[in-house]
């Protein structure tokens, strides 16, 4: 490899690589909504809204971290074979 060697960026990410992450995120959403609906019948429904919002806001960074690290693990730099 010499200085100035051109590289090609190749992404090998497929939908199957993030499928379980999407399902886990959907499960978090449904569980938080179910908890919110369960708390709606309580005497203070504001706790239900705060609970759902807190769950979604706290889980979002973990979801983004999982997506970004999965994407970065599937990016490859390959030297271009020139003529």
PDB file of N, CA and C in Angstrom:
ATOM      1  N   UNK A   1       0.851  -1.165   0.000  1.00  0.00           N
ATOM      2  CA  UNK A   1       0.000   0.000   0.000  1.00  0.00           C
ATOM      3  C   UNK A   1       0.901   1.234   0.000  1.00  0.00           C
ATOM      4  N   UNK A   2       0.729   2.065  -0.987  1.00  0.00           N
ATOM      5  CA  UNK A   2       1.539   3.270  -1.127  1.00  0.00           C
ATOM      6  C   UNK A   2       0.718   4.492  -0.733  1.00  0.00           C
ATOM      7  N   UNK A   3       1.388   5.586  -0.389  1.00  0.00           N
ATOM      8  CA  UNK A   3       0.634   6.796  -0.066  1.00  0.00           C
ATOM      9  C   UNK A   3      -0.179   7.255  -1.275  1.00  0.00           C
ATOM     10  N   UNK A   4      -1.397   7.679  -1.017  1.00  0.00           N
ATOM     11  CA  UNK A   4      -2.264   8.138  -2.088  1.00  0.00           C
ATOM     12  C   UNK A   4      -3.056   7.030  -2.742  1.00  0.00           C
ATOM     13  N   UNK A   5      -3.033   5.837  -2.161  1.00  0.00           N
ATOM     14  CA  UNK A   5      -3.812   4.728  -2.708  1.00  0.00           C
ATOM     15  C   UNK A   5      -5.297   5.025  -2.534  1.00  0.00           C
ATOM     16  N   UNK A   6      -6.079   4.967  -3.612  1.00  0.00           N
ATOM     17  CA  UNK A   6      -7.520   5.241  -3.481  1.00  0.00           C
ATOM     18  C   UNK A   6      -8.244   4.066  -2.823  1.00  0.00           C
ATOM     19  N   UNK A   7      -9.250   4.410  -2.055  1.00  0.00           N
ATOM     20  CA  UNK A   7     -10.056   3.407  -1.379  1.00  0.00           C
ATOM     21  C   UNK A   7     -11.504   3.540  -1.809  1.00  0.00           C
ATOM     22  N   UNK A   8     -12.192   2.421  -1.812  1.00  0.00           N
ATOM     23  CA  UNK A   8     -13.628   2.397  -2.080  1.00  0.00           C
ATOM     24  C   UNK A   8     -14.342   2.101  -0.759  1.00  0.00           C
ATOM     25  N   UNK A   9     -15.365   2.865  -0.464  1.00  0.00           N
ATOM     26  CA  UNK A   9     -16.153   2.644   0.745  1.00  0.00           C
ATOM     27  C   UNK A   9     -17.296   1.708   0.387  1.00  0.00           C
ATOM     28  N   UNK A  10     -17.412   0.631   1.138  1.00  0.00           N
ATOM     29  CA  UNK A  10     -18.433  -0.376   0.858  1.00  0.00           C
ATOM     30  C   UNK A  10     -19.227  -0.638   2.129  1.00  0.00           C
ATOM     31  N   UNK A  11     -20.535  -0.582   2.031  1.00  0.00           N
ATOM     32  CA  UNK A  11     -21.412  -0.852   3.174  1.00  0.00           C
ATOM     33  C   UNK A  11     -22.112  -2.185   2.940  1.00  0.00           C
ATOM     34  N   UNK A  12     -21.948  -3.105   3.875  1.00  0.00           N
ATOM     35  CA  UNK A  12     -22.530  -4.437   3.740  1.00  0.00           C
ATOM     36  C   UNK A  12     -23.754  -4.622   4.642  1.00  0.00           C
ATOM     37  N   UNK A  13     -24.302  -3.521   5.133  1.00  0.00           N
ATOM     38  CA  UNK A  13     -25.444  -3.595   6.040  1.00  0.00           C
ATOM     39  C   UNK A  13     -26.682  -4.074   5.290  1.00  0.00           C
ATOM     40  N   UNK A  14     -27.384  -4.999   5.884  1.00  0.00           N
ATOM     41  CA  UNK A  14     -28.641  -5.491   5.314  1.00  0.00           C
ATOM     42  C   UNK A  14     -29.759  -5.298   6.336  1.00  0.00           C
ATOM     43  N   UNK A  15     -30.978  -5.448   5.884  1.00  0.00           N
ATOM     44  CA  UNK A  15     -32.113  -5.289   6.791  1.00  0.00           C
ATOM     45  C   UNK A  15     -32.077  -6.336   7.895  1.00  0.00           C
ATOM     46  N   UNK A  16     -31.598  -7.522   7.592  1.00  0.00           N
ATOM     47  CA  UNK A  16     -31.525  -8.582   8.594  1.00  0.00           C
ATOM     48  C   UNK A  16     -30.601  -8.247   9.751  1.00  0.00           C
ATOM     49  N   UNK A  17     -29.628  -7.358   9.518  1.00  0.00           N
ATOM     50  CA  UNK A  17     -28.701  -6.980  10.575  1.00  0.00           C
ATOM     51  C   UNK A  17     -29.364  -6.106  11.634  1.00  0.00           C
ATOM     52  N   UNK A  18     -30.381  -5.357  11.252  1.00  0.00           N
ATOM     53  CA  UNK A  18     -31.025  -4.458  12.216  1.00  0.00           C
ATOM     54  C   UNK A  18     -32.447  -4.894  12.544  1.00  0.00           C
ATOM     55  N   UNK A  19     -32.863  -6.029  12.022  1.00  0.00           N
ATOM     56  CA  UNK A  19     -34.241  -6.487  12.201  1.00  0.00           C
ATOM     57  C   UNK A  19     -34.577  -6.677  13.678  1.00  0.00           C
ATOM     58  N   UNK A  20     -33.708  -7.342  14.437  1.00  0.00           N
ATOM     59  CA  UNK A  20     -33.974  -7.583  15.856  1.00  0.00           C
ATOM     60  C   UNK A  20     -33.956  -6.279  16.654  1.00  0.00           C
ATOM     61  N   UNK A  21     -33.142  -5.330  16.245  1.00  0.00           N
ATOM     62  CA  UNK A  21     -33.123  -4.042  16.936  1.00  0.00           C
ATOM     63  C   UNK A  21     -34.451  -3.307  16.741  1.00  0.00           C
ATOM     64  N   UNK A  22     -35.000  -3.396  15.536  1.00  0.00           N
ATOM     65  CA  UNK A  22     -36.292  -2.761  15.273  1.00  0.00           C
ATOM     66  C   UNK A  22     -37.396  -3.445  16.076  1.00  0.00           C
ATOM     67  N   UNK A  23     -37.353  -4.773  16.137  1.00  0.00           N
ATOM     68  CA  UNK A  23     -38.358  -5.501  16.924  1.00  0.00           C
ATOM     69  C   UNK A  23     -38.242  -5.164  18.406  1.00  0.00           C
ATOM     70  N   UNK A  24     -37.026  -5.034  18.915  1.00  0.00           N
ATOM     71  CA  UNK A  24     -36.840  -4.685  20.324  1.00  0.00           C
ATOM     72  C   UNK A  24     -37.380  -3.279  20.604  1.00  0.00           C
ATOM     73  N   UNK A  25     -37.127  -2.348  19.687  1.00  0.00           N
ATOM     74  CA  UNK A  25     -37.633  -0.990  19.861  1.00  0.00           C
ATOM     75  C   UNK A  25     -39.152  -0.970  19.839  1.00  0.00           C
ATOM     76  N   UNK A  26     -39.759  -1.752  18.953  1.00  0.00           N
ATOM     77  CA  UNK A  26     -41.221  -1.833  18.914  1.00  0.00           C
ATOM     78  C   UNK A  26     -41.760  -2.430  20.209  1.00  0.00           C
ATOM     79  N   UNK A  27     -41.058  -3.411  20.766  1.00  0.00           N
ATOM     80  CA  UNK A  27     -41.481  -4.003  22.035  1.00  0.00           C
ATOM     81  C   UNK A  27     -41.418  -2.966  23.153  1.00  0.00           C
ATOM     82  N   UNK A  28     -40.376  -2.152  23.163  1.00  0.00           N
ATOM     83  CA  UNK A  28     -40.271  -1.096  24.175  1.00  0.00           C
ATOM     84  C   UNK A  28     -41.427  -0.107  24.038  1.00  0.00           C
ATOM     85  N   UNK A  29     -41.756   0.256  22.827  1.00  0.00           N
ATOM     86  CA  UNK A  29     -42.867   1.189  22.605  1.00  0.00           C
ATOM     87  C   UNK A  29     -44.183   0.593  23.091  1.00  0.00           C
ATOM     88  N   UNK A  30     -44.445  -0.662  22.738  1.00  0.00           N
ATOM     89  CA  UNK A  30     -45.706  -1.281  23.130  1.00  0.00           C
ATOM     90  C   UNK A  30     -45.797  -1.476  24.636  1.00  0.00           C
ATOM     91  N   UNK A  31     -44.695  -1.845  25.270  1.00  0.00           N
ATOM     92  CA  UNK A  31     -44.712  -2.029  26.725  1.00  0.00           C
ATOM     93  C   UNK A  31     -44.931  -0.693  27.429  1.00  0.00           C
ATOM     94  N   UNK A  32     -44.289   0.355  26.943  1.00  0.00           N
ATOM     95  CA  UNK A  32     -44.470   1.661  27.580  1.00  0.00           C
ATOM     96  C   UNK A  32     -45.892   2.177  27.376  1.00  0.00           C
ATOM     97  N   UNK A  33     -46.455   1.937  26.195  1.00  0.00           N
ATOM     98  CA  UNK A  33     -47.843   2.350  25.966  1.00  0.00           C
ATOM     99  C   UNK A  33     -48.815   1.535  26.816  1.00  0.00           C
ATOM    100  N   UNK A  34     -48.542   0.257  26.984  1.00  0.00           N
ATOM    101  CA  UNK A  34     -49.396  -0.579  27.837  1.00  0.00           C
ATOM    102  C   UNK A  34     -49.309  -0.116  29.291  1.00  0.00           C
ATOM    103  N   UNK A  35     -48.100   0.227  29.729  1.00  0.00           N
ATOM    104  CA  UNK A  35     -47.952   0.741  31.096  1.00  0.00           C
ATOM    105  C   UNK A  35     -48.671   2.072  31.245  1.00  0.00           C
ATOM    106  N   UNK A  36     -48.577   2.915  30.230  1.00  0.00           N
ATOM    107  CA  UNK A  36     -49.273   4.194  30.273  1.00  0.00           C
ATOM    108  C   UNK A  36     -50.770   4.028  30.328  1.00  0.00           C
ATOM    109  N   UNK A  37     -51.307   3.111  29.545  1.00  0.00           N
ATOM    110  CA  UNK A  37     -52.748   2.865  29.584  1.00  0.00           C
ATOM    111  C   UNK A  37     -53.175   2.276  30.918  1.00  0.00           C
ATOM    112  N   UNK A  38     -52.307   1.442  31.498  1.00  0.00           N
ATOM    113  CA  UNK A  38     -52.611   0.886  32.815  1.00  0.00           C
ATOM    114  C   UNK A  38     -52.643   1.959  33.887  1.00  0.00           C
ATOM    115  N   UNK A  39     -51.774   2.936  33.759  1.00  0.00           N
ATOM    116  CA  UNK A  39     -51.731   4.014  34.746  1.00  0.00           C
ATOM    117  C   UNK A  39     -52.780   5.090  34.493  1.00  0.00           C
ATOM    118  N   UNK A  40     -53.390   5.094  33.315  1.00  0.00           N
ATOM    119  CA  UNK A  40     -54.407   6.103  32.998  1.00  0.00           C
ATOM    120  C   UNK A  40     -55.603   5.998  33.937  1.00  0.00           C
ATOM    121  N   UNK A  41     -55.895   4.796  34.388  1.00  0.00           N
ATOM    122  CA  UNK A  41     -57.028   4.613  35.283  1.00  0.00           C
ATOM    123  C   UNK A  41     -56.731   5.066  36.702  1.00  0.00           C
ATOM    124  N   UNK A  42     -55.487   5.391  36.985  1.00  0.00           N
ATOM    125  CA  UNK A  42     -55.125   5.841  38.322  1.00  0.00           C
ATOM    126  C   UNK A  42     -55.693   7.241  38.563  1.00  0.00           C
ATOM    127  N   UNK A  43     -55.539   7.700  39.786  1.00  0.00           N
ATOM    128  CA  UNK A  43     -56.102   9.009  40.127  1.00  0.00           C
ATOM    129  C   UNK A  43     -55.334  10.155  39.480  1.00  0.00           C
ATOM    130  N   UNK A  44     -54.077   9.931  39.064  1.00  0.00           N
ATOM    131  CA  UNK A  44     -53.272  10.991  38.444  1.00  0.00           C
ATOM    132  C   UNK A  44     -52.751  10.514  37.087  1.00  0.00           C
ATOM    133  N   UNK A  45     -53.479  10.780  36.031  1.00  0.00           N
ATOM    134  CA  UNK A  45     -53.064  10.294  34.709  1.00  0.00           C
ATOM    135  C   UNK A  45     -51.810  10.981  34.178  1.00  0.00           C
ATOM    136  N   UNK A  46     -51.390  12.072  34.791  1.00  0.00           N
ATOM    137  CA  UNK A  46     -50.163  12.725  34.327  1.00  0.00           C
ATOM    138  C   UNK A  46     -48.966  11.805  34.540  1.00  0.00           C
ATOM    139  N   UNK A  47     -49.041  10.930  35.563  1.00  0.00           N
ATOM    140  CA  UNK A  47     -47.952   9.972  35.791  1.00  0.00           C
ATOM    141  C   UNK A  47     -47.822   9.012  34.612  1.00  0.00           C
ATOM    142  N   UNK A  48     -48.949   8.686  33.991  1.00  0.00           N
ATOM    143  CA  UNK A  48     -48.922   7.793  32.831  1.00  0.00           C
ATOM    144  C   UNK A  48     -48.170   8.451  31.679  1.00  0.00           C
ATOM    145  N   UNK A  49     -48.466   9.711  31.409  1.00  0.00           N
ATOM    146  CA  UNK A  49     -47.793  10.411  30.315  1.00  0.00           C
ATOM    147  C   UNK A  49     -46.310  10.604  30.607  1.00  0.00           C
ATOM    148  N   UNK A  50     -45.990  10.932  31.841  1.00  0.00           N
ATOM    149  CA  UNK A  50     -44.584  11.108  32.223  1.00  0.00           C
ATOM    150  C   UNK A  50     -43.844   9.775  32.121  1.00  0.00           C
ATOM    151  N   UNK A  51     -44.494   8.703  32.539  1.00  0.00           N
ATOM    152  CA  UNK A  51     -43.861   7.378  32.470  1.00  0.00           C
ATOM    153  C   UNK A  51     -43.561   6.949  31.044  1.00  0.00           C
ATOM    154  N   UNK A  52     -44.519   7.125  30.149  1.00  0.00           N
ATOM    155  CA  UNK A  52     -44.316   6.767  28.744  1.00  0.00           C
ATOM    156  C   UNK A  52     -43.212   7.629  28.135  1.00  0.00           C
ATOM    157  N   UNK A  53     -43.261   8.914  28.396  1.00  0.00           N
ATOM    158  CA  UNK A  53     -42.226   9.809  27.868  1.00  0.00           C
ATOM    159  C   UNK A  53     -40.854   9.475  28.406  1.00  0.00           C
ATOM    160  N   UNK A  54     -40.776   9.154  29.691  1.00  0.00           N
ATOM    161  CA  UNK A  54     -39.486   8.818  30.300  1.00  0.00           C
ATOM    162  C   UNK A  54     -38.910   7.542  29.705  1.00  0.00           C
ATOM    163  N   UNK A  55     -39.752   6.548  29.516  1.00  0.00           N
ATOM    164  CA  UNK A  55     -39.276   5.294  28.932  1.00  0.00           C
ATOM    165  C   UNK A  55     -38.765   5.523  27.515  1.00  0.00           C
ATOM    166  N   UNK A  56     -39.515   6.260  26.718  1.00  0.00           N
ATOM    167  CA  UNK A  56     -39.103   6.500  25.334  1.00  0.00           C
ATOM    168  C   UNK A  56     -37.839   7.351  25.258  1.00  0.00           C
ATOM    169  N   UNK A  57     -37.758   8.387  26.081  1.00  0.00           N
ATOM    170  CA  UNK A  57     -36.589   9.263  26.040  1.00  0.00           C
ATOM    171  C   UNK A  57     -35.336   8.541  26.536  1.00  0.00           C
ATOM    172  N   UNK A  58     -35.475   7.709  27.556  1.00  0.00           N
ATOM    173  CA  UNK A  58     -34.302   7.004  28.083  1.00  0.00           C
ATOM    174  C   UNK A  58     -33.854   5.848  27.186  1.00  0.00           C
ATOM    175  N   UNK A  59     -34.767   5.269  26.428  1.00  0.00           N
ATOM    176  CA  UNK A  59     -34.388   4.148  25.570  1.00  0.00           C
ATOM    177  C   UNK A  59     -33.857   4.609  24.215  1.00  0.00           C
ATOM    178  N   UNK A  60     -34.162   5.829  23.805  1.00  0.00           N
ATOM    179  CA  UNK A  60     -33.724   6.317  22.500  1.00  0.00           C
ATOM    180  C   UNK A  60     -32.201   6.337  22.337  1.00  0.00           C
ATOM    181  N   UNK A  61     -31.415   6.801  23.306  1.00  0.00           N
ATOM    182  CA  UNK A  61     -29.952   6.775  23.114  1.00  0.00           C
ATOM    183  C   UNK A  61     -29.405   5.362  22.923  1.00  0.00           C
ATOM    184  N   UNK A  62     -29.976   4.396  23.614  1.00  0.00           N
ATOM    185  CA  UNK A  62     -29.514   3.016  23.460  1.00  0.00           C
ATOM    186  C   UNK A  62     -29.843   2.494  22.066  1.00  0.00           C
ATOM    187  N   UNK A  63     -31.005   2.850  21.555  1.00  0.00           N
ATOM    188  CA  UNK A  63     -31.380   2.450  20.199  1.00  0.00           C
ATOM    189  C   UNK A  63     -30.445   3.072  19.174  1.00  0.00           C
ATOM    190  N   UNK A  64     -30.175   4.362  19.307  1.00  0.00           N
ATOM    191  CA  UNK A  64     -29.287   5.035  18.366  1.00  0.00           C
ATOM    192  C   UNK A  64     -27.876   4.473  18.444  1.00  0.00           C
ATOM    193  N   UNK A  65     -27.401   4.173  19.653  1.00  0.00           N
ATOM    194  CA  UNK A  65     -26.076   3.578  19.809  1.00  0.00           C
ATOM    195  C   UNK A  65     -26.016   2.222  19.100  1.00  0.00           C
ATOM    196  N   UNK A  66     -27.060   1.422  19.259  1.00  0.00           N
ATOM    197  CA  UNK A  66     -27.078   0.107  18.608  1.00  0.00           C
ATOM    198  C   UNK A  66     -27.088   0.256  17.089  1.00  0.00           C
ATOM    199  N   UNK A  67     -27.886   1.176  16.556  1.00  0.00           N
ATOM    200  CA  UNK A  67     -27.922   1.383  15.107  1.00  0.00           C
ATOM    201  C   UNK A  67     -26.588   1.873  14.571  1.00  0.00           C
ATOM    202  N   UNK A  68     -26.005   2.855  15.234  1.00  0.00           N
ATOM    203  CA  UNK A  68     -24.757   3.447  14.741  1.00  0.00           C
ATOM    204  C   UNK A  68     -23.608   2.445  14.811  1.00  0.00           C
ATOM    205  N   UNK A  69     -23.497   1.710  15.909  1.00  0.00           N
ATOM    206  CA  UNK A  69     -22.402   0.735  15.999  1.00  0.00           C
ATOM    207  C   UNK A  69     -22.588  -0.398  14.994  1.00  0.00           C
ATOM    208  N   UNK A  70     -23.824  -0.804  14.753  1.00  0.00           N
ATOM    209  CA  UNK A  70     -24.065  -1.833  13.742  1.00  0.00           C
ATOM    210  C   UNK A  70     -23.668  -1.314  12.362  1.00  0.00           C
ATOM    211  N   UNK A  71     -24.039  -0.074  12.058  1.00  0.00           N
ATOM    212  CA  UNK A  71     -23.670   0.514  10.775  1.00  0.00           C
ATOM    213  C   UNK A  71     -22.153   0.620  10.627  1.00  0.00           C
ATOM    214  N   UNK A  72     -21.468   1.104  11.660  1.00  0.00           N
ATOM    215  CA  UNK A  72     -20.014   1.261  11.574  1.00  0.00           C
ATOM    216  C   UNK A  72     -19.300  -0.079  11.443  1.00  0.00           C
ATOM    217  N   UNK A  73     -19.870  -1.127  12.024  1.00  0.00           N
ATOM    218  CA  UNK A  73     -19.265  -2.450  11.896  1.00  0.00           C
ATOM    219  C   UNK A  73     -19.404  -3.021  10.483  1.00  0.00           C
ATOM    220  N   UNK A  74     -20.293  -2.454   9.685  1.00  0.00           N
ATOM    221  CA  UNK A  74     -20.517  -2.970   8.329  1.00  0.00           C
ATOM    222  C   UNK A  74     -19.959  -2.055   7.246  1.00  0.00           C
ATOM    223  N   UNK A  75     -19.159  -1.091   7.612  1.00  0.00           N
ATOM    224  CA  UNK A  75     -18.502  -0.230   6.628  1.00  0.00           C
ATOM    225  C   UNK A  75     -17.075  -0.737   6.414  1.00  0.00           C
ATOM    226  N   UNK A  76     -16.736  -0.951   5.158  1.00  0.00           N
ATOM    227  CA  UNK A  76     -15.415  -1.475   4.822  1.00  0.00           C
ATOM    228  C   UNK A  76     -14.717  -0.510   3.871  1.00  0.00           C
ATOM    229  N   UNK A  77     -13.412  -0.372   4.071  1.00  0.00           N
ATOM    230  CA  UNK A  77     -12.570   0.386   3.141  1.00  0.00           C
ATOM    231  C   UNK A  77     -11.723  -0.618   2.380  1.00  0.00           C
ATOM    232  N   UNK A  78     -11.879  -0.627   1.075  1.00  0.00           N
ATOM    233  CA  UNK A  78     -11.141  -1.570   0.231  1.00  0.00           C
ATOM    234  C   UNK A  78     -10.287  -0.786  -0.749  1.00  0.00           C
ATOM    235  N   UNK A  79      -9.008  -1.143  -0.880  1.00  0.00           N
ATOM    236  CA  UNK A  79      -8.178  -0.453  -1.877  1.00  0.00           C
ATOM    237  C   UNK A  79      -8.678  -0.744  -3.286  1.00  0.00           C
ATOM    238  N   UNK A  80      -8.684   0.303  -4.106  1.00  0.00           N
ATOM    239  CA  UNK A  80      -9.138   0.167  -5.497  1.00  0.00           C
ATOM    240  C   UNK A  80      -7.966  -0.354  -6.310  1.00  0.00           C
ATOM    241  N   UNK A  81      -8.214  -1.423  -7.049  1.00  0.00           N
ATOM    242  CA  UNK A  81      -7.183  -1.998  -7.910  1.00  0.00           C
ATOM    243  C   UNK A  81      -7.188  -1.235  -9.234  1.00  0.00           C
ATOM    244  N   UNK A  82      -6.236  -0.346  -9.395  1.00  0.00           N
ATOM    245  CA  UNK A  82      -6.182   0.464 -10.606  1.00  0.00           C
ATOM    246  C   UNK A  82      -5.446  -0.243 -11.738  1.00  0.00           C
ATOM    247  N   UNK A  83      -5.605   0.265 -12.948  1.00  0.00           N
ATOM    248  CA  UNK A  83      -4.940  -0.338 -14.105  1.00  0.00           C
ATOM    249  C   UNK A  83      -3.653   0.374 -14.404  1.00  0.00           C
TER     250      UNK A  83
END
